[in-house]
């Protein structure tokens, strides 16, 4: 529910080595990601153009297409993947 600015941890006992470290790093990740997304939402609201389509694109996790080099500057692609899903 990071898109709504909510982070919560469900207290489940999982007896897997390293589970505490994994949960801690995920918490740190989401504590960064919530302000990141809210900053993008605010930026798109101020632009005013095509807010709805940009907002839906962020929620879907679309990867932009186009050239990787833009005027000699590398445009990084961030691909959302859930690596620890079972």
C-alpha atoms as a PDB file:
ATOM      1  CA  UNK A   1       0.000   0.000   0.000  1.00  0.00           C
ATOM      2  CA  UNK A   2       3.000   2.214  -0.559  1.00  0.00           C
ATOM      3  CA  UNK A   3       1.116   4.184  -3.190  1.00  0.00           C
ATOM      4  CA  UNK A   4      -1.223   5.381  -0.421  1.00  0.00           C
ATOM      5  CA  UNK A   5       1.673   6.224   1.914  1.00  0.00           C
ATOM      6  CA  UNK A   6       1.015   3.339   4.299  1.00  0.00           C
ATOM      7  CA  UNK A   7       3.670   0.919   5.518  1.00  0.00           C
ATOM      8  CA  UNK A   8       2.787  -1.876   7.902  1.00  0.00           C
ATOM      9  CA  UNK A   9       4.459  -5.087   9.003  1.00  0.00           C
ATOM     10  CA  UNK A  10       2.396  -8.157   9.811  1.00  0.00           C
ATOM     11  CA  UNK A  11       3.923  -9.912  12.834  1.00  0.00           C
ATOM     12  CA  UNK A  12       4.339 -13.469  11.557  1.00  0.00           C
ATOM     13  CA  UNK A  13       6.858 -15.923  12.902  1.00  0.00           C
ATOM     14  CA  UNK A  14       8.871 -17.320   9.999  1.00  0.00           C
ATOM     15  CA  UNK A  15      11.724 -19.632  10.926  1.00  0.00           C
ATOM     16  CA  UNK A  16      13.969 -18.899   7.962  1.00  0.00           C
ATOM     17  CA  UNK A  17      17.576 -17.860   8.539  1.00  0.00           C
ATOM     18  CA  UNK A  18      18.018 -14.167   7.764  1.00  0.00           C
ATOM     19  CA  UNK A  19      14.309 -13.322   7.953  1.00  0.00           C
ATOM     20  CA  UNK A  20      14.905 -10.434  10.367  1.00  0.00           C
ATOM     21  CA  UNK A  21      17.538  -8.930   8.069  1.00  0.00           C
ATOM     22  CA  UNK A  22      15.263  -9.315   5.066  1.00  0.00           C
ATOM     23  CA  UNK A  23      12.355  -7.656   6.868  1.00  0.00           C
ATOM     24  CA  UNK A  24      14.570  -4.803   8.090  1.00  0.00           C
ATOM     25  CA  UNK A  25      15.947  -4.086   4.614  1.00  0.00           C
ATOM     26  CA  UNK A  26      12.437  -4.209   3.117  1.00  0.00           C
ATOM     27  CA  UNK A  27      11.280  -1.720   5.739  1.00  0.00           C
ATOM     28  CA  UNK A  28      14.163   0.624   4.875  1.00  0.00           C
ATOM     29  CA  UNK A  29      13.348   0.204   1.182  1.00  0.00           C
ATOM     30  CA  UNK A  30       9.711   1.175   1.669  1.00  0.00           C
ATOM     31  CA  UNK A  31      10.607   4.087   3.955  1.00  0.00           C
ATOM     32  CA  UNK A  32      12.516   5.471   0.962  1.00  0.00           C
ATOM     33  CA  UNK A  33       9.984   4.471  -1.673  1.00  0.00           C
ATOM     34  CA  UNK A  34       6.945   6.196  -0.128  1.00  0.00           C
ATOM     35  CA  UNK A  35       8.506   9.705  -0.242  1.00  0.00           C
ATOM     36  CA  UNK A  36       9.871   8.914  -3.718  1.00  0.00           C
ATOM     37  CA  UNK A  37       6.417   8.095  -5.101  1.00  0.00           C
ATOM     38  CA  UNK A  38       4.733  10.997  -3.316  1.00  0.00           C
ATOM     39  CA  UNK A  39       7.328  13.325  -4.870  1.00  0.00           C
ATOM     40  CA  UNK A  40       6.514  11.938  -8.315  1.00  0.00           C
ATOM     41  CA  UNK A  41       2.781  12.358  -7.714  1.00  0.00           C
ATOM     42  CA  UNK A  42       3.294  15.983  -6.649  1.00  0.00           C
ATOM     43  CA  UNK A  43       5.497  16.655  -9.666  1.00  0.00           C
ATOM     44  CA  UNK A  44       2.904  15.208 -12.041  1.00  0.00           C
ATOM     45  CA  UNK A  45       0.119  17.210 -10.355  1.00  0.00           C
ATOM     46  CA  UNK A  46       2.058  20.464 -10.808  1.00  0.00           C
ATOM     47  CA  UNK A  47       2.744  19.717 -14.471  1.00  0.00           C
ATOM     48  CA  UNK A  48      -0.996  19.435 -15.046  1.00  0.00           C
ATOM     49  CA  UNK A  49      -0.644  17.646 -18.386  1.00  0.00           C
ATOM     50  CA  UNK A  50      -1.811  14.046 -18.644  1.00  0.00           C
ATOM     51  CA  UNK A  51      -1.844  13.504 -14.857  1.00  0.00           C
ATOM     52  CA  UNK A  52      -4.315  10.608 -15.056  1.00  0.00           C
ATOM     53  CA  UNK A  53      -2.327   8.617 -17.600  1.00  0.00           C
ATOM     54  CA  UNK A  54       0.964   9.245 -15.782  1.00  0.00           C
ATOM     55  CA  UNK A  55      -0.576   8.270 -12.432  1.00  0.00           C
ATOM     56  CA  UNK A  56      -1.953   5.014 -13.856  1.00  0.00           C
ATOM     57  CA  UNK A  57       1.412   4.295 -15.459  1.00  0.00           C
ATOM     58  CA  UNK A  58       3.166   4.674 -12.090  1.00  0.00           C
ATOM     59  CA  UNK A  59       0.694   2.358 -10.376  1.00  0.00           C
ATOM     60  CA  UNK A  60       1.108  -0.280 -13.098  1.00  0.00           C
ATOM     61  CA  UNK A  61       4.897  -0.024 -12.997  1.00  0.00           C
ATOM     62  CA  UNK A  62       5.298   0.667 -16.707  1.00  0.00           C
ATOM     63  CA  UNK A  63       8.837   0.819 -18.064  1.00  0.00           C
ATOM     64  CA  UNK A  64       9.306   3.780 -20.426  1.00  0.00           C
ATOM     65  CA  UNK A  65      10.315   3.067 -23.980  1.00  0.00           C
ATOM     66  CA  UNK A  66      12.575   5.144 -26.141  1.00  0.00           C
ATOM     67  CA  UNK A  67      16.282   5.709 -26.525  1.00  0.00           C
ATOM     68  CA  UNK A  68      18.581   4.813 -23.641  1.00  0.00           C
ATOM     69  CA  UNK A  69      20.834   7.735 -24.550  1.00  0.00           C
ATOM     70  CA  UNK A  70      19.188  11.148 -24.558  1.00  0.00           C
ATOM     71  CA  UNK A  71      21.609  13.840 -25.698  1.00  0.00           C
ATOM     72  CA  UNK A  72      24.592  11.941 -24.328  1.00  0.00           C
ATOM     73  CA  UNK A  73      22.890  11.338 -20.956  1.00  0.00           C
ATOM     74  CA  UNK A  74      22.011   7.762 -20.003  1.00  0.00           C
ATOM     75  CA  UNK A  75      18.305   7.330 -19.176  1.00  0.00           C
ATOM     76  CA  UNK A  76      18.094   4.549 -16.593  1.00  0.00           C
ATOM     77  CA  UNK A  77      15.263   2.028 -16.736  1.00  0.00           C
ATOM     78  CA  UNK A  78      13.821   0.841 -13.442  1.00  0.00           C
ATOM     79  CA  UNK A  79      11.983  -2.449 -13.814  1.00  0.00           C
ATOM     80  CA  UNK A  80       9.801  -3.444 -10.879  1.00  0.00           C
ATOM     81  CA  UNK A  81      10.139  -7.090  -9.953  1.00  0.00           C
ATOM     82  CA  UNK A  82       9.141  -8.957  -6.835  1.00  0.00           C
ATOM     83  CA  UNK A  83      12.131 -11.198  -6.323  1.00  0.00           C
ATOM     84  CA  UNK A  84      11.204 -12.763  -2.981  1.00  0.00           C
ATOM     85  CA  UNK A  85       7.667 -13.837  -3.918  1.00  0.00           C
ATOM     86  CA  UNK A  86       6.893 -17.512  -3.527  1.00  0.00           C
END
